[in-house]
């Protein structure tokens, strides 16, 4: 077995055996399970509260789109935030613990080290969100009796491009900055910047900022061409991983 495959297997096994298998999947599955139920009963809850406040609440009957929008918004906001925090220590944590020194004394290059990190964490991200999507679809169908799969799959696919881009950025920042808190702070800054940029139409059309609103727009049937945001997001992910290799190669272990 090659050193790269052995290290990748070790990374995947560590995900299963450590807290990462509980935190990100736990957050995603919580929203997958509660989202359709909240979407279904929110109008009743508001109407129950309205008489006490003196307000007249007129809310249209919820549909499967409300459940899908709940899922999409949770992915873009809360799951992205959690991913930034979780992935901020992917490389810096290995350096602080001394694990990086041990594995790099083997015939494993620093490039292979970074690429294996990205592939392992990417597998966690994709697998978790895929399971969450399946649960969201099943519960939406159970609650509303209608749940077309295509818009949900397309919206989730757009977020996965975003999520893999964020993962690449965080691996770069974790390679560049010595502390998890510092990398997380910079990652949140990137998230805020792209969120603000999403109010500018050219940025939405031609940059990864368009990925922040793409899932909701797909579900609402208002999405235009998403080719450039997807390409830009994938290119930025690749550039981030390459930059992580350069940054990590220059660090003393």
C-alpha atoms as a PDB file:
ATOM      1  CA  UNK A   1       0.000   0.000   0.000  1.00  0.00           C
ATOM      2  CA  UNK A   2       1.311   3.459  -0.908  1.00  0.00           C
ATOM      3  CA  UNK A   3       2.049   5.971   1.876  1.00  0.00           C
ATOM      4  CA  UNK A   4      -0.711   8.245   0.539  1.00  0.00           C
ATOM      5  CA  UNK A   5      -3.369   5.514   0.644  1.00  0.00           C
ATOM      6  CA  UNK A   6      -2.242   4.448   4.104  1.00  0.00           C
ATOM      7  CA  UNK A   7      -2.451   7.999   5.436  1.00  0.00           C
ATOM      8  CA  UNK A   8      -5.816   8.592   3.776  1.00  0.00           C
ATOM      9  CA  UNK A   9      -7.129   5.419   5.387  1.00  0.00           C
ATOM     10  CA  UNK A  10      -5.801   6.612   8.733  1.00  0.00           C
ATOM     11  CA  UNK A  11      -7.573   9.960   8.287  1.00  0.00           C
ATOM     12  CA  UNK A  12     -10.879   8.291   7.449  1.00  0.00           C
ATOM     13  CA  UNK A  13     -10.540   5.946  10.420  1.00  0.00           C
ATOM     14  CA  UNK A  14      -9.794   8.864  12.741  1.00  0.00           C
ATOM     15  CA  UNK A  15     -12.975  10.593  11.614  1.00  0.00           C
ATOM     16  CA  UNK A  16     -14.967   7.513  12.597  1.00  0.00           C
ATOM     17  CA  UNK A  17     -13.193   7.137  15.944  1.00  0.00           C
ATOM     18  CA  UNK A  18     -13.100  10.778  17.076  1.00  0.00           C
ATOM     19  CA  UNK A  19     -15.543  13.591  17.873  1.00  0.00           C
ATOM     20  CA  UNK A  20     -15.817  14.692  14.228  1.00  0.00           C
ATOM     21  CA  UNK A  21     -18.150  11.791  13.456  1.00  0.00           C
ATOM     22  CA  UNK A  22     -20.610  13.210  16.016  1.00  0.00           C
ATOM     23  CA  UNK A  23     -20.418  16.990  15.736  1.00  0.00           C
ATOM     24  CA  UNK A  24     -20.969  17.817  12.060  1.00  0.00           C
ATOM     25  CA  UNK A  25     -23.277  14.839  11.372  1.00  0.00           C
ATOM     26  CA  UNK A  26     -25.177  15.609  14.579  1.00  0.00           C
ATOM     27  CA  UNK A  27     -25.822  19.201  13.506  1.00  0.00           C
ATOM     28  CA  UNK A  28     -26.834  18.231   9.968  1.00  0.00           C
ATOM     29  CA  UNK A  29     -29.108  15.400  11.070  1.00  0.00           C
ATOM     30  CA  UNK A  30     -30.782  17.600  13.687  1.00  0.00           C
ATOM     31  CA  UNK A  31     -31.809  20.097  11.014  1.00  0.00           C
ATOM     32  CA  UNK A  32     -32.778  17.343   8.592  1.00  0.00           C
ATOM     33  CA  UNK A  33     -35.147  15.829  11.146  1.00  0.00           C
ATOM     34  CA  UNK A  34     -36.622  19.021  12.584  1.00  0.00           C
ATOM     35  CA  UNK A  35     -36.802  21.143   9.424  1.00  0.00           C
ATOM     36  CA  UNK A  36     -39.903  19.601   7.788  1.00  0.00           C
ATOM     37  CA  UNK A  37     -41.752  19.444  11.113  1.00  0.00           C
ATOM     38  CA  UNK A  38     -40.990  23.096  11.930  1.00  0.00           C
ATOM     39  CA  UNK A  39     -42.025  24.158   8.431  1.00  0.00           C
ATOM     40  CA  UNK A  40     -45.315  22.275   8.765  1.00  0.00           C
ATOM     41  CA  UNK A  41     -46.347  23.615  12.173  1.00  0.00           C
ATOM     42  CA  UNK A  42     -44.900  27.150  12.214  1.00  0.00           C
ATOM     43  CA  UNK A  43     -48.176  28.739  10.960  1.00  0.00           C
ATOM     44  CA  UNK A  44     -50.159  27.033  13.735  1.00  0.00           C
ATOM     45  CA  UNK A  45     -47.653  28.156  16.349  1.00  0.00           C
ATOM     46  CA  UNK A  46     -47.815  31.756  15.148  1.00  0.00           C
ATOM     47  CA  UNK A  47     -51.603  31.704  15.043  1.00  0.00           C
ATOM     48  CA  UNK A  48     -51.694  30.303  18.569  1.00  0.00           C
ATOM     49  CA  UNK A  49     -49.481  33.139  19.826  1.00  0.00           C
ATOM     50  CA  UNK A  50     -51.171  35.909  17.817  1.00  0.00           C
ATOM     51  CA  UNK A  51     -54.303  36.321  20.025  1.00  0.00           C
ATOM     52  CA  UNK A  52     -52.112  37.057  23.033  1.00  0.00           C
ATOM     53  CA  UNK A  53     -50.295  39.815  21.155  1.00  0.00           C
ATOM     54  CA  UNK A  54     -53.312  41.330  19.443  1.00  0.00           C
ATOM     55  CA  UNK A  55     -51.815  40.740  16.004  1.00  0.00           C
ATOM     56  CA  UNK A  56     -53.678  39.304  13.049  1.00  0.00           C
ATOM     57  CA  UNK A  57     -51.485  36.711  11.360  1.00  0.00           C
ATOM     58  CA  UNK A  58     -52.319  35.537   7.860  1.00  0.00           C
ATOM     59  CA  UNK A  59     -49.885  32.906   6.664  1.00  0.00           C
ATOM     60  CA  UNK A  60     -50.409  30.747   3.584  1.00  0.00           C
ATOM     61  CA  UNK A  61     -50.541  27.019   4.085  1.00  0.00           C
ATOM     62  CA  UNK A  62     -47.024  25.566   4.166  1.00  0.00           C
ATOM     63  CA  UNK A  63     -45.796  23.345   1.333  1.00  0.00           C
ATOM     64  CA  UNK A  64     -42.813  21.127   0.686  1.00  0.00           C
ATOM     65  CA  UNK A  65     -40.917  24.231  -0.460  1.00  0.00           C
ATOM     66  CA  UNK A  66     -40.994  25.614   3.074  1.00  0.00           C
ATOM     67  CA  UNK A  67     -39.299  22.463   4.360  1.00  0.00           C
ATOM     68  CA  UNK A  68     -36.732  22.585   1.563  1.00  0.00           C
ATOM     69  CA  UNK A  69     -36.042  26.268   2.234  1.00  0.00           C
ATOM     70  CA  UNK A  70     -35.540  25.483   5.914  1.00  0.00           C
ATOM     71  CA  UNK A  71     -32.951  22.871   4.934  1.00  0.00           C
ATOM     72  CA  UNK A  72     -31.183  25.165   2.459  1.00  0.00           C
ATOM     73  CA  UNK A  73     -30.972  28.103   4.857  1.00  0.00           C
ATOM     74  CA  UNK A  74     -29.648  25.933   7.663  1.00  0.00           C
ATOM     75  CA  UNK A  75     -26.943  24.599   5.349  1.00  0.00           C
ATOM     76  CA  UNK A  76     -25.867  28.039   4.141  1.00  0.00           C
ATOM     77  CA  UNK A  77     -25.861  29.618   7.582  1.00  0.00           C
ATOM     78  CA  UNK A  78     -25.480  27.272  10.538  1.00  0.00           C
ATOM     79  CA  UNK A  79     -23.788  24.272   8.893  1.00  0.00           C
ATOM     80  CA  UNK A  80     -21.298  26.555   7.149  1.00  0.00           C
ATOM     81  CA  UNK A  81     -20.518  28.229  10.469  1.00  0.00           C
ATOM     82  CA  UNK A  82     -20.034  24.837  12.142  1.00  0.00           C
ATOM     83  CA  UNK A  83     -17.837  23.573   9.295  1.00  0.00           C
ATOM     84  CA  UNK A  84     -15.570  26.614   9.608  1.00  0.00           C
ATOM     85  CA  UNK A  85     -15.066  25.974  13.320  1.00  0.00           C
ATOM     86  CA  UNK A  86     -14.557  22.222  12.896  1.00  0.00           C
ATOM     87  CA  UNK A  87     -12.159  22.384   9.949  1.00  0.00           C
ATOM     88  CA  UNK A  88     -10.102  25.257  11.371  1.00  0.00           C
ATOM     89  CA  UNK A  89      -7.867  22.832  13.284  1.00  0.00           C
ATOM     90  CA  UNK A  90      -7.460  20.156  10.626  1.00  0.00           C
ATOM     91  CA  UNK A  91      -3.790  20.960   9.947  1.00  0.00           C
ATOM     92  CA  UNK A  92      -2.764  23.192  12.862  1.00  0.00           C
ATOM     93  CA  UNK A  93      -3.988  20.600  15.350  1.00  0.00           C
ATOM     94  CA  UNK A  94      -1.722  17.962  13.801  1.00  0.00           C
ATOM     95  CA  UNK A  95       1.235  20.330  14.047  1.00  0.00           C
ATOM     96  CA  UNK A  96       0.583  21.210  17.687  1.00  0.00           C
ATOM     97  CA  UNK A  97       0.146  17.591  18.745  1.00  0.00           C
ATOM     98  CA  UNK A  98       3.286  16.469  16.921  1.00  0.00           C
ATOM     99  CA  UNK A  99       1.395  13.967  14.763  1.00  0.00           C
ATOM    100  CA  UNK A 100       2.480  15.745  11.595  1.00  0.00           C
ATOM    101  CA  UNK A 101       6.139  15.192  12.456  1.00  0.00           C
ATOM    102  CA  UNK A 102       5.566  11.482  12.969  1.00  0.00           C
ATOM    103  CA  UNK A 103       3.722  10.858   9.713  1.00  0.00           C
ATOM    104  CA  UNK A 104       6.058  13.035   7.635  1.00  0.00           C
ATOM    105  CA  UNK A 105       9.090  11.056   8.775  1.00  0.00           C
ATOM    106  CA  UNK A 106       7.543   8.257   6.718  1.00  0.00           C
ATOM    107  CA  UNK A 107       7.807   8.441   2.913  1.00  0.00           C
ATOM    108  CA  UNK A 108       4.824  10.816   2.810  1.00  0.00           C
ATOM    109  CA  UNK A 109       5.149  14.203   1.132  1.00  0.00           C
ATOM    110  CA  UNK A 110       3.620  17.348   2.523  1.00  0.00           C
ATOM    111  CA  UNK A 111       1.526  17.612  -0.642  1.00  0.00           C
ATOM    112  CA  UNK A 112       0.086  14.148  -0.001  1.00  0.00           C
ATOM    113  CA  UNK A 113      -0.529  15.132   3.637  1.00  0.00           C
ATOM    114  CA  UNK A 114      -2.678  18.134   2.626  1.00  0.00           C
ATOM    115  CA  UNK A 115      -4.495  16.338  -0.202  1.00  0.00           C
ATOM    116  CA  UNK A 116      -5.368  13.399   2.066  1.00  0.00           C
ATOM    117  CA  UNK A 117      -6.704  15.839   4.667  1.00  0.00           C
ATOM    118  CA  UNK A 118      -8.909  17.488   2.050  1.00  0.00           C
ATOM    119  CA  UNK A 119     -10.224  14.201   0.644  1.00  0.00           C
ATOM    120  CA  UNK A 120     -10.990  12.716   4.064  1.00  0.00           C
ATOM    121  CA  UNK A 121     -12.811  15.785   5.370  1.00  0.00           C
ATOM    122  CA  UNK A 122     -14.553  16.189   2.022  1.00  0.00           C
ATOM    123  CA  UNK A 123     -15.838  12.621   2.303  1.00  0.00           C
ATOM    124  CA  UNK A 124     -17.202  13.435   5.764  1.00  0.00           C
ATOM    125  CA  UNK A 125     -18.919  16.547   4.421  1.00  0.00           C
ATOM    126  CA  UNK A 126     -20.422  14.876   1.359  1.00  0.00           C
ATOM    127  CA  UNK A 127     -21.528  11.744   3.210  1.00  0.00           C
ATOM    128  CA  UNK A 128     -23.121  13.693   6.042  1.00  0.00           C
ATOM    129  CA  UNK A 129     -25.027  16.075   3.789  1.00  0.00           C
ATOM    130  CA  UNK A 130     -26.147  13.225   1.508  1.00  0.00           C
ATOM    131  CA  UNK A 131     -27.690  11.390   4.465  1.00  0.00           C
ATOM    132  CA  UNK A 132     -29.251  14.630   5.720  1.00  0.00           C
ATOM    133  CA  UNK A 133     -30.747  15.273   2.289  1.00  0.00           C
ATOM    134  CA  UNK A 134     -32.281  11.811   2.156  1.00  0.00           C
ATOM    135  CA  UNK A 135     -33.838  12.291   5.604  1.00  0.00           C
ATOM    136  CA  UNK A 136     -35.157  15.734   4.659  1.00  0.00           C
ATOM    137  CA  UNK A 137     -36.763  14.318   1.517  1.00  0.00           C
ATOM    138  CA  UNK A 138     -38.349  11.366   3.352  1.00  0.00           C
ATOM    139  CA  UNK A 139     -39.740  13.466   6.203  1.00  0.00           C
ATOM    140  CA  UNK A 140     -40.973  16.166   3.838  1.00  0.00           C
ATOM    141  CA  UNK A 141     -42.886  13.519   1.906  1.00  0.00           C
ATOM    142  CA  UNK A 142     -44.272  12.080   5.134  1.00  0.00           C
ATOM    143  CA  UNK A 143     -45.393  15.488   6.427  1.00  0.00           C
ATOM    144  CA  UNK A 144     -46.633  17.141   3.217  1.00  0.00           C
ATOM    145  CA  UNK A 145     -47.414  14.172   0.973  1.00  0.00           C
ATOM    146  CA  UNK A 146     -45.359  15.774  -1.764  1.00  0.00           C
ATOM    147  CA  UNK A 147     -41.591  16.040  -2.104  1.00  0.00           C
ATOM    148  CA  UNK A 148     -40.073  16.319  -5.596  1.00  0.00           C
ATOM    149  CA  UNK A 149     -36.473  15.154  -5.394  1.00  0.00           C
ATOM    150  CA  UNK A 150     -34.883  17.220  -8.175  1.00  0.00           C
ATOM    151  CA  UNK A 151     -35.008  20.719  -6.611  1.00  0.00           C
ATOM    152  CA  UNK A 152     -33.773  19.371  -3.280  1.00  0.00           C
ATOM    153  CA  UNK A 153     -30.913  17.493  -4.947  1.00  0.00           C
ATOM    154  CA  UNK A 154     -29.946  20.515  -7.057  1.00  0.00           C
ATOM    155  CA  UNK A 155     -30.043  22.896  -4.100  1.00  0.00           C
ATOM    156  CA  UNK A 156     -27.969  20.555  -1.950  1.00  0.00           C
ATOM    157  CA  UNK A 157     -25.516  20.048  -4.804  1.00  0.00           C
ATOM    158  CA  UNK A 158     -24.993  23.804  -4.999  1.00  0.00           C
ATOM    159  CA  UNK A 159     -24.294  23.929  -1.293  1.00  0.00           C
ATOM    160  CA  UNK A 160     -21.821  21.053  -1.565  1.00  0.00           C
ATOM    161  CA  UNK A 161     -19.799  23.078  -4.072  1.00  0.00           C
ATOM    162  CA  UNK A 162     -19.845  25.892  -1.512  1.00  0.00           C
ATOM    163  CA  UNK A 163     -18.989  23.505   1.325  1.00  0.00           C
ATOM    164  CA  UNK A 164     -16.026  21.973  -0.524  1.00  0.00           C
ATOM    165  CA  UNK A 165     -14.783  25.461  -1.294  1.00  0.00           C
ATOM    166  CA  UNK A 166     -15.053  26.440   2.373  1.00  0.00           C
ATOM    167  CA  UNK A 167     -13.197  23.247   3.299  1.00  0.00           C
ATOM    168  CA  UNK A 168     -10.352  24.159   0.939  1.00  0.00           C
ATOM    169  CA  UNK A 169     -10.159  27.668   2.369  1.00  0.00           C
ATOM    170  CA  UNK A 170     -10.102  26.355   5.932  1.00  0.00           C
ATOM    171  CA  UNK A 171      -7.345  23.846   5.177  1.00  0.00           C
ATOM    172  CA  UNK A 172      -5.312  26.705   3.726  1.00  0.00           C
ATOM    173  CA  UNK A 173      -5.955  28.936   6.749  1.00  0.00           C
ATOM    174  CA  UNK A 174      -5.226  26.053   9.119  1.00  0.00           C
ATOM    175  CA  UNK A 175      -1.901  25.531   7.317  1.00  0.00           C
ATOM    176  CA  UNK A 176      -1.110  29.221   7.397  1.00  0.00           C
ATOM    177  CA  UNK A 177      -2.140  30.107  10.956  1.00  0.00           C
ATOM    178  CA  UNK A 178      -0.794  28.327  14.001  1.00  0.00           C
ATOM    179  CA  UNK A 179      -3.989  28.331  16.066  1.00  0.00           C
ATOM    180  CA  UNK A 180      -7.452  26.935  15.465  1.00  0.00           C
ATOM    181  CA  UNK A 181      -9.047  30.108  16.833  1.00  0.00           C
ATOM    182  CA  UNK A 182      -7.082  32.297  14.439  1.00  0.00           C
ATOM    183  CA  UNK A 183      -7.976  30.153  11.414  1.00  0.00           C
ATOM    184  CA  UNK A 184     -11.624  30.074  12.486  1.00  0.00           C
ATOM    185  CA  UNK A 185     -11.694  33.859  12.850  1.00  0.00           C
ATOM    186  CA  UNK A 186     -10.267  34.350   9.364  1.00  0.00           C
ATOM    187  CA  UNK A 187     -12.661  31.767   7.956  1.00  0.00           C
ATOM    188  CA  UNK A 188     -15.640  33.542   9.463  1.00  0.00           C
ATOM    189  CA  UNK A 189     -14.316  36.756   7.957  1.00  0.00           C
ATOM    190  CA  UNK A 190     -14.293  35.112   4.507  1.00  0.00           C
ATOM    191  CA  UNK A 191     -17.835  33.870   5.094  1.00  0.00           C
ATOM    192  CA  UNK A 192     -19.065  37.323   6.073  1.00  0.00           C
ATOM    193  CA  UNK A 193     -17.298  38.914   3.105  1.00  0.00           C
ATOM    194  CA  UNK A 194     -18.886  36.517   0.603  1.00  0.00           C
ATOM    195  CA  UNK A 195     -22.283  36.946   2.266  1.00  0.00           C
ATOM    196  CA  UNK A 196     -22.047  40.714   1.909  1.00  0.00           C
ATOM    197  CA  UNK A 197     -20.794  40.371  -1.670  1.00  0.00           C
ATOM    198  CA  UNK A 198     -23.932  38.367  -2.492  1.00  0.00           C
ATOM    199  CA  UNK A 199     -25.985  41.574  -2.505  1.00  0.00           C
ATOM    200  CA  UNK A 200     -23.972  42.803  -5.524  1.00  0.00           C
ATOM    201  CA  UNK A 201     -25.376  41.391  -8.759  1.00  0.00           C
ATOM    202  CA  UNK A 202     -22.057  40.969 -10.679  1.00  0.00           C
ATOM    203  CA  UNK A 203     -20.603  39.064  -7.694  1.00  0.00           C
ATOM    204  CA  UNK A 204     -23.651  36.794  -7.592  1.00  0.00           C
ATOM    205  CA  UNK A 205     -23.382  36.106 -11.309  1.00  0.00           C
ATOM    206  CA  UNK A 206     -19.648  35.524 -11.680  1.00  0.00           C
ATOM    207  CA  UNK A 207     -18.141  34.662  -8.282  1.00  0.00           C
ATOM    208  CA  UNK A 208     -18.569  32.096  -5.496  1.00  0.00           C
ATOM    209  CA  UNK A 209     -20.744  34.645  -3.675  1.00  0.00           C
ATOM    210  CA  UNK A 210     -23.576  33.446  -5.908  1.00  0.00           C
ATOM    211  CA  UNK A 211     -23.483  30.074  -4.180  1.00  0.00           C
ATOM    212  CA  UNK A 212     -24.818  31.554  -0.933  1.00  0.00           C
ATOM    213  CA  UNK A 213     -28.231  32.313  -2.431  1.00  0.00           C
ATOM    214  CA  UNK A 214     -28.282  29.550  -5.082  1.00  0.00           C
ATOM    215  CA  UNK A 215     -29.922  26.790  -2.962  1.00  0.00           C
ATOM    216  CA  UNK A 216     -32.903  28.948  -1.995  1.00  0.00           C
ATOM    217  CA  UNK A 217     -33.241  30.339  -5.514  1.00  0.00           C
ATOM    218  CA  UNK A 218     -33.323  26.810  -6.957  1.00  0.00           C
ATOM    219  CA  UNK A 219     -36.049  25.734  -4.549  1.00  0.00           C
ATOM    220  CA  UNK A 220     -38.118  28.832  -5.357  1.00  0.00           C
ATOM    221  CA  UNK A 221     -37.651  28.231  -9.093  1.00  0.00           C
ATOM    222  CA  UNK A 222     -35.914  31.566  -9.607  1.00  0.00           C
ATOM    223  CA  UNK A 223     -32.330  30.440 -10.228  1.00  0.00           C
ATOM    224  CA  UNK A 224     -30.614  31.704 -13.348  1.00  0.00           C
ATOM    225  CA  UNK A 225     -27.394  30.345 -14.783  1.00  0.00           C
ATOM    226  CA  UNK A 226     -25.124  29.060 -12.019  1.00  0.00           C
ATOM    227  CA  UNK A 227     -22.250  27.966 -14.242  1.00  0.00           C
ATOM    228  CA  UNK A 228     -19.854  30.747 -13.261  1.00  0.00           C
ATOM    229  CA  UNK A 229     -20.442  30.560  -9.496  1.00  0.00           C
ATOM    230  CA  UNK A 230     -19.908  26.779  -9.611  1.00  0.00           C
ATOM    231  CA  UNK A 231     -16.751  27.073 -11.711  1.00  0.00           C
ATOM    232  CA  UNK A 232     -15.436  29.899  -9.526  1.00  0.00           C
ATOM    233  CA  UNK A 233     -16.159  27.915  -6.361  1.00  0.00           C
ATOM    234  CA  UNK A 234     -14.390  24.791  -7.615  1.00  0.00           C
ATOM    235  CA  UNK A 235     -11.426  26.812  -8.877  1.00  0.00           C
ATOM    236  CA  UNK A 236     -11.142  28.610  -5.535  1.00  0.00           C
ATOM    237  CA  UNK A 237     -11.250  25.236  -3.744  1.00  0.00           C
ATOM    238  CA  UNK A 238      -8.393  23.980  -5.919  1.00  0.00           C
ATOM    239  CA  UNK A 239      -6.364  27.156  -5.458  1.00  0.00           C
ATOM    240  CA  UNK A 240      -6.903  26.990  -1.698  1.00  0.00           C
ATOM    241  CA  UNK A 241      -5.616  23.415  -1.497  1.00  0.00           C
ATOM    242  CA  UNK A 242      -2.586  24.329  -3.624  1.00  0.00           C
ATOM    243  CA  UNK A 243      -1.930  27.355  -1.414  1.00  0.00           C
ATOM    244  CA  UNK A 244      -2.245  25.109   1.653  1.00  0.00           C
ATOM    245  CA  UNK A 245       0.477  22.856   0.229  1.00  0.00           C
ATOM    246  CA  UNK A 246       2.766  25.867  -0.265  1.00  0.00           C
ATOM    247  CA  UNK A 247       2.039  27.292   3.205  1.00  0.00           C
ATOM    248  CA  UNK A 248       2.485  23.930   4.926  1.00  0.00           C
ATOM    249  CA  UNK A 249       5.722  23.251   3.053  1.00  0.00           C
ATOM    250  CA  UNK A 250       7.218  26.440   4.479  1.00  0.00           C
ATOM    251  CA  UNK A 251       6.265  25.698   8.078  1.00  0.00           C
ATOM    252  CA  UNK A 252       8.678  24.202  10.567  1.00  0.00           C
ATOM    253  CA  UNK A 253       7.217  21.171  12.290  1.00  0.00           C
END
